[in-house]
Amino acid sequence: MQGPPPNRYVIFFSIAVLGCLADLATKTWVFSRLGLPGGKTFWIVDGIFGFQTSLNEGALFGIGQGMVWLFAVLSIAAAVGILVRLFYYGAASDLLLTIALGAIMAGILGNLFDRLGLPGLTDGKGDRVFAVRDWILVCYQQFHWPNFNIADSLLVCGAATLALHMFLQDRAAIKRSQARPHNVGFL
């Protein structure tokens, strides 16, 4: 069995590492400027788009609050699964799949870093905080989208790219099946 082309390793790990670093750097910068949640909001477009810190001990849209360790274990399992699928089973031979999973890996690693308490944040009582640092704020009139971060954006973009990949694969399979001659034979 032949492995994926060497450039797929470069593409995947570049996206994963640079995406994760961008996420961690922006979280650190915003939290150092605005402080822990409850502080000020910095508006880029008044009342619509800005920066506001928040901590999420759950997952998407705050679902599963307090289940940080479950989400950390699931994140590690997903990261291992991605690496195995891409580089052991050879899925990295597909460029679009490599890009999508690189973005997802970046998002997983950025949020996992926070879930493990590695930023060293503490609450008012001196206890370590095990929560994802969110800071991007989007509002429109009464609608307030849950705060998110670069890792979340990478996860969403990676998932959208995976959906596109599946759509393109399905279309290609349909075209291949239509191009095959149909045998109409008798027994």
N, C-alpha and C. Protein backbone atom coordinates (compact mmCIF):
# COMPACT_ATOMS: atom_id res chain seq x y z
N MET A 1 0.84 -1.18 0.00
CA MET A 1 0.00 0.00 0.00
C MET A 1 0.89 1.25 0.00
N GLN A 2 0.63 2.11 -0.95
CA GLN A 2 1.41 3.34 -1.08
C GLN A 2 0.77 4.44 -0.24
N GLY A 3 1.60 5.19 0.47
CA GLY A 3 1.11 6.27 1.32
C GLY A 3 0.75 7.49 0.51
N PRO A 4 0.21 8.49 1.18
CA PRO A 4 -0.16 9.74 0.49
C PRO A 4 1.08 10.49 0.02
N PRO A 5 0.91 11.38 -0.94
CA PRO A 5 2.05 12.18 -1.39
C PRO A 5 2.64 12.98 -0.23
N PRO A 6 3.96 13.15 -0.21
CA PRO A 6 4.61 13.87 0.91
C PRO A 6 4.07 15.28 1.14
N ASN A 7 3.63 15.95 0.06
CA ASN A 7 3.14 17.32 0.26
C ASN A 7 1.85 17.35 1.09
N ARG A 8 1.14 16.24 1.20
CA ARG A 8 -0.09 16.21 2.00
C ARG A 8 0.23 16.35 3.49
N TYR A 9 1.36 15.82 3.91
CA TYR A 9 1.80 16.00 5.29
C TYR A 9 2.05 17.49 5.55
N VAL A 10 2.73 18.13 4.61
CA VAL A 10 3.05 19.55 4.75
C VAL A 10 1.77 20.37 4.78
N ILE A 11 0.85 20.08 3.87
CA ILE A 11 -0.41 20.83 3.81
C ILE A 11 -1.21 20.65 5.10
N PHE A 12 -1.41 19.39 5.50
CA PHE A 12 -2.21 19.12 6.69
C PHE A 12 -1.61 19.76 7.93
N PHE A 13 -0.33 19.51 8.19
CA PHE A 13 0.28 20.02 9.43
C PHE A 13 0.45 21.53 9.40
N SER A 14 0.63 22.13 8.22
CA SER A 14 0.70 23.59 8.13
C SER A 14 -0.63 24.22 8.54
N ILE A 15 -1.72 23.68 7.98
CA ILE A 15 -3.05 24.21 8.33
C ILE A 15 -3.32 23.98 9.82
N ALA A 16 -3.06 22.78 10.31
CA ALA A 16 -3.35 22.44 11.71
C ALA A 16 -2.53 23.31 12.67
N VAL A 17 -1.24 23.42 12.43
CA VAL A 17 -0.38 24.17 13.35
C VAL A 17 -0.62 25.67 13.25
N LEU A 18 -0.65 26.22 12.02
CA LEU A 18 -0.85 27.66 11.87
C LEU A 18 -2.24 28.08 12.34
N GLY A 19 -3.25 27.27 12.06
CA GLY A 19 -4.60 27.58 12.53
C GLY A 19 -4.68 27.58 14.04
N CYS A 20 -4.07 26.57 14.66
CA CYS A 20 -4.06 26.49 16.13
C CYS A 20 -3.31 27.67 16.73
N LEU A 21 -2.17 28.01 16.17
CA LEU A 21 -1.39 29.14 16.69
C LEU A 21 -2.16 30.46 16.55
N ALA A 22 -2.85 30.65 15.41
CA ALA A 22 -3.64 31.86 15.22
C ALA A 22 -4.75 31.94 16.28
N ASP A 23 -5.39 30.79 16.53
CA ASP A 23 -6.44 30.75 17.55
C ASP A 23 -5.88 31.11 18.92
N LEU A 24 -4.82 30.46 19.32
CA LEU A 24 -4.25 30.69 20.66
C LEU A 24 -3.72 32.12 20.81
N ALA A 25 -3.09 32.63 19.76
CA ALA A 25 -2.55 34.00 19.83
C ALA A 25 -3.67 35.02 19.97
N THR A 26 -4.75 34.85 19.21
CA THR A 26 -5.85 35.83 19.30
C THR A 26 -6.57 35.74 20.64
N LYS A 27 -6.74 34.53 21.16
CA LYS A 27 -7.38 34.38 22.48
C LYS A 27 -6.53 35.08 23.54
N THR A 28 -5.24 34.83 23.50
CA THR A 28 -4.34 35.42 24.48
C THR A 28 -4.36 36.94 24.39
N TRP A 29 -4.30 37.45 23.17
CA TRP A 29 -4.28 38.90 22.97
C TRP A 29 -5.57 39.54 23.48
N VAL A 30 -6.72 39.01 23.06
CA VAL A 30 -8.00 39.61 23.45
C VAL A 30 -8.21 39.51 24.96
N PHE A 31 -7.93 38.36 25.55
CA PHE A 31 -8.12 38.22 27.00
C PHE A 31 -7.17 39.11 27.78
N SER A 32 -5.95 39.35 27.25
CA SER A 32 -5.03 40.25 27.94
C SER A 32 -5.50 41.70 27.86
N ARG A 33 -6.23 42.04 26.82
CA ARG A 33 -6.73 43.41 26.65
C ARG A 33 -8.06 43.64 27.38
N LEU A 34 -8.97 42.66 27.29
CA LEU A 34 -10.32 42.86 27.83
C LEU A 34 -10.55 42.18 29.17
N GLY A 35 -9.65 41.29 29.56
CA GLY A 35 -9.80 40.60 30.84
C GLY A 35 -10.79 39.45 30.78
N LEU A 36 -11.09 38.92 31.95
CA LEU A 36 -12.04 37.81 32.05
C LEU A 36 -13.45 38.31 31.75
N PRO A 37 -14.39 37.40 31.48
CA PRO A 37 -15.77 37.80 31.19
C PRO A 37 -16.34 38.73 32.25
N GLY A 38 -17.20 39.59 31.81
CA GLY A 38 -17.79 40.58 32.71
C GLY A 38 -17.12 41.93 32.56
N GLY A 39 -16.05 41.94 31.79
CA GLY A 39 -15.33 43.19 31.55
C GLY A 39 -15.99 43.98 30.43
N LYS A 40 -15.20 44.71 29.73
CA LYS A 40 -15.73 45.59 28.70
C LYS A 40 -15.89 44.86 27.35
N THR A 41 -16.66 45.47 26.47
CA THR A 41 -16.83 45.00 25.10
C THR A 41 -16.19 46.04 24.19
N PHE A 42 -15.40 45.58 23.24
CA PHE A 42 -14.79 46.46 22.26
C PHE A 42 -15.55 46.28 20.95
N TRP A 43 -16.26 47.31 20.54
CA TRP A 43 -17.08 47.23 19.32
C TRP A 43 -16.28 47.65 18.10
N ILE A 44 -16.32 46.83 17.06
CA ILE A 44 -15.76 47.19 15.75
C ILE A 44 -16.85 47.91 14.97
N VAL A 45 -18.05 47.33 14.93
CA VAL A 45 -19.24 47.96 14.36
C VAL A 45 -20.25 48.00 15.50
N ASP A 46 -20.52 49.20 15.98
CA ASP A 46 -21.31 49.39 17.19
C ASP A 46 -22.61 48.57 17.19
N GLY A 47 -22.76 47.73 18.22
CA GLY A 47 -23.96 46.94 18.40
C GLY A 47 -24.10 45.74 17.48
N ILE A 48 -23.12 45.52 16.58
CA ILE A 48 -23.23 44.42 15.62
C ILE A 48 -22.06 43.45 15.73
N PHE A 49 -20.85 43.96 15.70
CA PHE A 49 -19.66 43.10 15.70
C PHE A 49 -18.60 43.68 16.61
N GLY A 50 -18.09 42.83 17.50
CA GLY A 50 -17.06 43.30 18.40
C GLY A 50 -16.36 42.15 19.11
N PHE A 51 -15.59 42.52 20.10
CA PHE A 51 -14.84 41.56 20.91
C PHE A 51 -15.36 41.62 22.34
N GLN A 52 -15.67 40.46 22.90
CA GLN A 52 -16.13 40.35 24.27
C GLN A 52 -15.73 38.98 24.78
N THR A 53 -15.05 38.92 25.89
CA THR A 53 -14.58 37.63 26.39
C THR A 53 -15.70 36.84 27.05
N SER A 54 -15.64 35.53 26.86
CA SER A 54 -16.55 34.62 27.56
C SER A 54 -15.84 33.27 27.68
N LEU A 55 -16.29 32.47 28.63
CA LEU A 55 -15.72 31.15 28.86
C LEU A 55 -16.82 30.11 28.67
N ASN A 56 -16.52 29.07 27.90
CA ASN A 56 -17.49 28.04 27.58
C ASN A 56 -16.99 26.71 28.12
N GLU A 57 -17.67 26.17 29.12
CA GLU A 57 -17.32 24.87 29.69
C GLU A 57 -18.05 23.74 28.97
N GLY A 58 -18.70 24.05 27.88
CA GLY A 58 -19.44 23.04 27.12
C GLY A 58 -18.89 22.92 25.71
N ALA A 59 -19.80 22.64 24.80
CA ALA A 59 -19.42 22.49 23.40
C ALA A 59 -20.20 23.52 22.58
N LEU A 60 -20.52 23.18 21.37
CA LEU A 60 -21.22 24.05 20.45
C LEU A 60 -22.43 24.71 21.09
N PHE A 61 -22.48 26.04 21.00
CA PHE A 61 -23.57 26.85 21.57
C PHE A 61 -23.72 26.64 23.08
N GLY A 62 -22.67 26.20 23.74
CA GLY A 62 -22.72 26.02 25.19
C GLY A 62 -23.41 24.75 25.64
N ILE A 63 -23.71 23.85 24.72
CA ILE A 63 -24.36 22.59 25.07
C ILE A 63 -23.41 21.78 25.96
N GLY A 64 -23.95 21.14 26.99
CA GLY A 64 -23.15 20.26 27.84
C GLY A 64 -22.26 21.02 28.81
N GLN A 65 -22.72 22.13 29.34
CA GLN A 65 -21.92 22.91 30.28
C GLN A 65 -21.43 22.03 31.44
N GLY A 66 -20.15 22.19 31.78
CA GLY A 66 -19.56 21.45 32.89
C GLY A 66 -19.00 20.09 32.48
N MET A 67 -19.16 19.70 31.23
CA MET A 67 -18.67 18.39 30.77
C MET A 67 -17.33 18.55 30.05
N VAL A 68 -16.48 19.41 30.59
CA VAL A 68 -15.21 19.75 29.95
C VAL A 68 -14.36 18.51 29.69
N TRP A 69 -14.26 17.62 30.66
CA TRP A 69 -13.38 16.45 30.49
C TRP A 69 -13.91 15.48 29.45
N LEU A 70 -15.23 15.35 29.34
CA LEU A 70 -15.81 14.52 28.29
C LEU A 70 -15.44 15.09 26.93
N PHE A 71 -15.58 16.41 26.77
CA PHE A 71 -15.25 17.03 25.49
C PHE A 71 -13.74 16.97 25.21
N ALA A 72 -12.92 17.01 26.24
CA ALA A 72 -11.48 16.88 26.05
C ALA A 72 -11.14 15.48 25.54
N VAL A 73 -11.74 14.46 26.14
CA VAL A 73 -11.50 13.08 25.70
C VAL A 73 -12.00 12.88 24.27
N LEU A 74 -13.18 13.40 23.97
CA LEU A 74 -13.71 13.29 22.60
C LEU A 74 -12.82 14.01 21.60
N SER A 75 -12.27 15.15 22.01
CA SER A 75 -11.36 15.90 21.13
C SER A 75 -10.10 15.10 20.83
N ILE A 76 -9.54 14.47 21.84
CA ILE A 76 -8.34 13.66 21.65
C ILE A 76 -8.65 12.47 20.73
N ALA A 77 -9.80 11.82 20.96
CA ALA A 77 -10.19 10.69 20.11
C ALA A 77 -10.38 11.13 18.66
N ALA A 78 -11.00 12.29 18.46
CA ALA A 78 -11.20 12.80 17.10
C ALA A 78 -9.87 13.12 16.43
N ALA A 79 -8.95 13.72 17.17
CA ALA A 79 -7.63 14.05 16.62
C ALA A 79 -6.88 12.78 16.20
N VAL A 80 -6.91 11.77 17.05
CA VAL A 80 -6.26 10.50 16.71
C VAL A 80 -6.94 9.87 15.49
N GLY A 81 -8.27 9.90 15.46
CA GLY A 81 -9.01 9.34 14.33
C GLY A 81 -8.66 10.03 13.02
N ILE A 82 -8.52 11.34 13.05
CA ILE A 82 -8.15 12.09 11.84
C ILE A 82 -6.78 11.66 11.35
N LEU A 83 -5.82 11.59 12.25
CA LEU A 83 -4.46 11.20 11.85
C LEU A 83 -4.43 9.78 11.27
N VAL A 84 -5.12 8.87 11.91
CA VAL A 84 -5.16 7.48 11.43
C VAL A 84 -5.80 7.42 10.06
N ARG A 85 -6.95 8.07 9.91
CA ARG A 85 -7.68 8.04 8.63
C ARG A 85 -6.85 8.64 7.51
N LEU A 86 -6.22 9.77 7.77
CA LEU A 86 -5.45 10.44 6.73
C LEU A 86 -4.15 9.71 6.37
N PHE A 87 -3.38 9.34 7.38
CA PHE A 87 -2.02 8.90 7.10
C PHE A 87 -1.80 7.40 7.23
N TYR A 88 -2.65 6.68 7.90
CA TYR A 88 -2.53 5.22 7.95
C TYR A 88 -3.37 4.59 6.84
N TYR A 89 -4.61 5.06 6.72
CA TYR A 89 -5.50 4.50 5.71
C TYR A 89 -5.41 5.24 4.37
N GLY A 90 -4.58 6.30 4.29
CA GLY A 90 -4.28 6.94 3.01
C GLY A 90 -5.29 7.95 2.50
N ALA A 91 -6.21 8.39 3.33
CA ALA A 91 -7.20 9.37 2.87
C ALA A 91 -6.55 10.70 2.48
N ALA A 92 -5.30 10.91 2.92
CA ALA A 92 -4.60 12.16 2.60
C ALA A 92 -4.26 12.26 1.12
N SER A 93 -4.47 11.20 0.37
CA SER A 93 -4.25 11.29 -1.08
C SER A 93 -5.27 12.23 -1.71
N ASP A 94 -6.35 12.50 -1.02
CA ASP A 94 -7.38 13.43 -1.48
C ASP A 94 -7.07 14.82 -0.90
N LEU A 95 -6.75 15.76 -1.76
CA LEU A 95 -6.32 17.10 -1.33
C LEU A 95 -7.42 17.84 -0.56
N LEU A 96 -8.64 17.84 -1.06
CA LEU A 96 -9.72 18.56 -0.39
C LEU A 96 -9.99 17.98 0.99
N LEU A 97 -9.94 16.68 1.11
CA LEU A 97 -10.14 16.03 2.41
C LEU A 97 -9.00 16.39 3.37
N THR A 98 -7.79 16.46 2.86
CA THR A 98 -6.64 16.84 3.68
C THR A 98 -6.79 18.26 4.22
N ILE A 99 -7.24 19.17 3.36
CA ILE A 99 -7.44 20.57 3.77
C ILE A 99 -8.54 20.66 4.83
N ALA A 100 -9.67 19.99 4.57
CA ALA A 100 -10.80 20.03 5.51
C ALA A 100 -10.39 19.50 6.87
N LEU A 101 -9.72 18.36 6.89
CA LEU A 101 -9.34 17.76 8.16
C LEU A 101 -8.21 18.53 8.84
N GLY A 102 -7.38 19.24 8.08
CA GLY A 102 -6.37 20.12 8.67
C GLY A 102 -7.03 21.26 9.44
N ALA A 103 -8.09 21.84 8.86
CA ALA A 103 -8.81 22.92 9.54
C ALA A 103 -9.51 22.39 10.79
N ILE A 104 -10.11 21.22 10.67
CA ILE A 104 -10.78 20.63 11.84
C ILE A 104 -9.77 20.32 12.94
N MET A 105 -8.61 19.80 12.56
CA MET A 105 -7.57 19.50 13.56
C MET A 105 -7.12 20.79 14.26
N ALA A 106 -6.96 21.87 13.51
CA ALA A 106 -6.57 23.15 14.11
C ALA A 106 -7.60 23.59 15.15
N GLY A 107 -8.87 23.46 14.81
CA GLY A 107 -9.93 23.83 15.75
C GLY A 107 -9.96 22.94 16.97
N ILE A 108 -9.78 21.64 16.75
CA ILE A 108 -9.75 20.71 17.87
C ILE A 108 -8.62 21.07 18.83
N LEU A 109 -7.43 21.29 18.30
CA LEU A 109 -6.26 21.56 19.15
C LEU A 109 -6.38 22.89 19.89
N GLY A 110 -6.89 23.93 19.20
CA GLY A 110 -7.04 25.23 19.84
C GLY A 110 -7.99 25.17 21.03
N ASN A 111 -9.12 24.51 20.87
CA ASN A 111 -10.09 24.43 21.96
C ASN A 111 -9.66 23.41 23.02
N LEU A 112 -8.96 22.35 22.61
CA LEU A 112 -8.46 21.37 23.58
C LEU A 112 -7.46 22.02 24.53
N PHE A 113 -6.61 22.87 24.02
CA PHE A 113 -5.64 23.59 24.83
C PHE A 113 -6.35 24.30 26.00
N ASP A 114 -7.47 24.95 25.68
CA ASP A 114 -8.24 25.65 26.71
C ASP A 114 -8.92 24.68 27.67
N ARG A 115 -9.51 23.62 27.13
CA ARG A 115 -10.24 22.65 27.97
C ARG A 115 -9.32 21.98 29.00
N LEU A 116 -8.04 21.86 28.65
CA LEU A 116 -7.09 21.24 29.57
C LEU A 116 -6.57 22.24 30.60
N GLY A 117 -7.04 23.48 30.54
CA GLY A 117 -6.64 24.49 31.51
C GLY A 117 -5.25 25.04 31.27
N LEU A 118 -4.70 24.86 30.08
CA LEU A 118 -3.32 25.26 29.80
C LEU A 118 -3.10 26.77 29.74
N PRO A 119 -4.12 27.60 29.47
CA PRO A 119 -3.85 29.04 29.51
C PRO A 119 -3.53 29.54 30.91
N GLY A 120 -3.85 28.76 31.94
CA GLY A 120 -3.55 29.16 33.31
C GLY A 120 -4.50 30.19 33.89
N LEU A 121 -5.69 30.32 33.30
CA LEU A 121 -6.68 31.26 33.85
C LEU A 121 -7.18 30.75 35.19
N THR A 122 -7.48 31.69 36.08
CA THR A 122 -8.07 31.33 37.38
C THR A 122 -9.31 32.18 37.60
N ASP A 123 -10.23 31.61 38.34
CA ASP A 123 -11.44 32.35 38.68
C ASP A 123 -11.15 33.26 39.87
N GLY A 124 -12.16 33.92 40.38
CA GLY A 124 -11.98 34.85 41.50
C GLY A 124 -11.48 34.20 42.77
N LYS A 125 -11.65 32.87 42.91
CA LYS A 125 -11.22 32.16 44.12
C LYS A 125 -9.84 31.53 43.96
N GLY A 126 -9.21 31.73 42.81
CA GLY A 126 -7.88 31.17 42.58
C GLY A 126 -7.89 29.76 41.97
N ASP A 127 -9.07 29.23 41.66
CA ASP A 127 -9.16 27.91 41.05
C ASP A 127 -8.92 28.02 39.55
N ARG A 128 -8.22 27.03 39.02
CA ARG A 128 -7.92 27.01 37.59
C ARG A 128 -9.20 26.84 36.77
N VAL A 129 -9.26 27.54 35.62
CA VAL A 129 -10.42 27.50 34.74
C VAL A 129 -10.16 26.51 33.61
N PHE A 130 -11.08 25.57 33.43
CA PHE A 130 -11.02 24.59 32.35
C PHE A 130 -12.18 24.88 31.42
N ALA A 131 -12.00 25.85 30.54
CA ALA A 131 -13.08 26.26 29.64
C ALA A 131 -12.47 26.89 28.39
N VAL A 132 -13.21 26.81 27.30
CA VAL A 132 -12.77 27.40 26.03
C VAL A 132 -12.96 28.91 26.10
N ARG A 133 -11.92 29.62 25.69
CA ARG A 133 -11.96 31.08 25.66
C ARG A 133 -12.59 31.55 24.34
N ASP A 134 -13.72 32.21 24.43
CA ASP A 134 -14.39 32.77 23.26
C ASP A 134 -14.32 34.28 23.33
N TRP A 135 -14.34 34.93 22.15
CA TRP A 135 -14.18 36.38 22.18
C TRP A 135 -14.82 37.12 21.01
N ILE A 136 -15.25 36.44 19.98
CA ILE A 136 -15.87 37.12 18.84
C ILE A 136 -17.36 37.26 19.13
N LEU A 137 -17.86 38.48 19.04
CA LEU A 137 -19.25 38.80 19.37
C LEU A 137 -19.97 39.31 18.13
N VAL A 138 -21.10 38.67 17.83
CA VAL A 138 -21.93 39.09 16.69
C VAL A 138 -23.36 39.25 17.18
N CYS A 139 -23.92 40.42 16.94
CA CYS A 139 -25.30 40.72 17.37
C CYS A 139 -26.04 41.39 16.22
N TYR A 140 -27.35 41.28 16.26
CA TYR A 140 -28.18 42.06 15.35
C TYR A 140 -29.50 42.31 16.06
N GLN A 141 -29.75 43.53 16.38
CA GLN A 141 -30.93 43.95 17.14
C GLN A 141 -31.03 43.09 18.41
N GLN A 142 -32.07 42.28 18.56
CA GLN A 142 -32.24 41.46 19.76
C GLN A 142 -31.47 40.14 19.67
N PHE A 143 -30.97 39.80 18.50
CA PHE A 143 -30.28 38.52 18.29
C PHE A 143 -28.82 38.63 18.73
N HIS A 144 -28.40 37.72 19.59
CA HIS A 144 -27.01 37.67 20.06
C HIS A 144 -26.49 36.25 19.77
N TRP A 145 -25.62 36.13 18.78
CA TRP A 145 -25.00 34.84 18.46
C TRP A 145 -24.05 34.49 19.61
N PRO A 146 -23.99 33.22 20.02
CA PRO A 146 -23.04 32.86 21.09
C PRO A 146 -21.60 33.22 20.69
N ASN A 147 -20.86 33.79 21.63
CA ASN A 147 -19.46 34.16 21.34
C ASN A 147 -18.71 32.94 20.84
N PHE A 148 -17.73 33.18 19.97
CA PHE A 148 -16.93 32.09 19.42
C PHE A 148 -15.49 32.56 19.23
N ASN A 149 -14.67 31.73 18.64
CA ASN A 149 -13.25 32.04 18.47
C ASN A 149 -12.76 31.53 17.12
N ILE A 150 -11.49 31.67 16.83
CA ILE A 150 -10.91 31.23 15.56
C ILE A 150 -11.00 29.70 15.44
N ALA A 151 -10.77 28.97 16.53
CA ALA A 151 -10.87 27.50 16.48
C ALA A 151 -12.27 27.07 16.06
N ASP A 152 -13.29 27.72 16.60
CA ASP A 152 -14.66 27.40 16.22
C ASP A 152 -14.88 27.66 14.73
N SER A 153 -14.34 28.78 14.25
CA SER A 153 -14.47 29.12 12.83
C SER A 153 -13.78 28.08 11.95
N LEU A 154 -12.62 27.61 12.39
CA LEU A 154 -11.90 26.57 11.63
C LEU A 154 -12.69 25.26 11.62
N LEU A 155 -13.31 24.93 12.75
CA LEU A 155 -14.13 23.72 12.81
C LEU A 155 -15.31 23.82 11.84
N VAL A 156 -15.97 24.96 11.81
CA VAL A 156 -17.11 25.16 10.93
C VAL A 156 -16.67 25.13 9.46
N CYS A 157 -15.58 25.82 9.14
CA CYS A 157 -15.09 25.83 7.76
C CYS A 157 -14.65 24.43 7.34
N GLY A 158 -13.99 23.70 8.24
CA GLY A 158 -13.58 22.32 7.93
C GLY A 158 -14.78 21.43 7.69
N ALA A 159 -15.82 21.57 8.54
CA ALA A 159 -17.03 20.76 8.37
C ALA A 159 -17.74 21.11 7.06
N ALA A 160 -17.79 22.39 6.71
CA ALA A 160 -18.41 22.81 5.45
C ALA A 160 -17.62 22.25 4.26
N THR A 161 -16.31 22.24 4.37
CA THR A 161 -15.48 21.68 3.30
C THR A 161 -15.69 20.17 3.20
N LEU A 162 -15.86 19.50 4.34
CA LEU A 162 -16.19 18.06 4.32
C LEU A 162 -17.52 17.82 3.62
N ALA A 163 -18.51 18.65 3.90
CA ALA A 163 -19.81 18.51 3.25
C ALA A 163 -19.67 18.72 1.74
N LEU A 164 -18.89 19.72 1.33
CA LEU A 164 -18.63 19.95 -0.08
C LEU A 164 -17.94 18.73 -0.69
N HIS A 165 -16.97 18.20 0.00
CA HIS A 165 -16.25 17.01 -0.46
C HIS A 165 -17.21 15.85 -0.68
N MET A 166 -18.10 15.61 0.28
CA MET A 166 -19.07 14.51 0.14
C MET A 166 -19.99 14.76 -1.05
N PHE A 167 -20.43 16.00 -1.24
CA PHE A 167 -21.29 16.34 -2.37
C PHE A 167 -20.57 16.06 -3.69
N LEU A 168 -19.32 16.51 -3.78
CA LEU A 168 -18.55 16.29 -5.01
C LEU A 168 -18.30 14.81 -5.26
N GLN A 169 -18.03 14.05 -4.19
CA GLN A 169 -17.82 12.61 -4.33
C GLN A 169 -19.09 11.91 -4.81
N ASP A 170 -20.24 12.32 -4.26
CA ASP A 170 -21.51 11.73 -4.68
C ASP A 170 -21.79 12.03 -6.15
N ARG A 171 -21.55 13.27 -6.56
CA ARG A 171 -21.76 13.63 -7.97
C ARG A 171 -20.85 12.84 -8.88
N ALA A 172 -19.59 12.67 -8.48
CA ALA A 172 -18.64 11.91 -9.30
C ALA A 172 -19.07 10.45 -9.40
N ALA A 173 -19.56 9.89 -8.30
CA ALA A 173 -20.02 8.50 -8.32
C ALA A 173 -21.23 8.33 -9.23
N ILE A 174 -22.14 9.30 -9.21
CA ILE A 174 -23.31 9.24 -10.09
C ILE A 174 -22.88 9.31 -11.55
N LYS A 175 -21.96 10.20 -11.86
CA LYS A 175 -21.48 10.33 -13.24
C LYS A 175 -20.80 9.04 -13.71
N ARG A 176 -20.01 8.43 -12.81
CA ARG A 176 -19.33 7.17 -13.17
C ARG A 176 -20.36 6.08 -13.44
N SER A 177 -21.38 6.01 -12.61
CA SER A 177 -22.38 4.95 -12.79
C SER A 177 -23.19 5.17 -14.06
N GLN A 178 -23.41 6.43 -14.43
CA GLN A 178 -24.16 6.71 -15.65
C GLN A 178 -23.32 6.47 -16.89
N ALA A 179 -22.01 6.58 -16.76
CA ALA A 179 -21.12 6.38 -17.91
C ALA A 179 -20.88 4.91 -18.22
N ARG A 180 -21.09 4.03 -17.25
CA ARG A 180 -20.89 2.60 -17.47
C ARG A 180 -21.99 2.05 -18.36
N PRO A 181 -21.60 1.17 -19.28
CA PRO A 181 -22.65 0.53 -20.10
C PRO A 181 -23.43 -0.43 -19.23
N HIS A 182 -24.71 -0.45 -19.44
CA HIS A 182 -25.57 -1.35 -18.69
C HIS A 182 -25.71 -2.63 -19.45
N ASN A 183 -25.35 -3.71 -18.82
CA ASN A 183 -25.48 -5.02 -19.44
C ASN A 183 -26.93 -5.49 -19.32
N VAL A 184 -27.46 -5.76 -20.44
CA VAL A 184 -28.81 -6.32 -20.46
C VAL A 184 -28.63 -7.71 -21.04
N GLY A 185 -28.41 -8.61 -20.18
CA GLY A 185 -28.14 -9.97 -20.63
C GLY A 185 -29.22 -10.92 -20.13
N PHE A 186 -29.24 -12.03 -20.76
CA PHE A 186 -30.18 -13.06 -20.38
C PHE A 186 -29.41 -14.24 -19.84
N LEU A 187 -29.97 -14.92 -18.88
CA LEU A 187 -29.32 -16.09 -18.31
C LEU A 187 -29.45 -17.27 -19.17
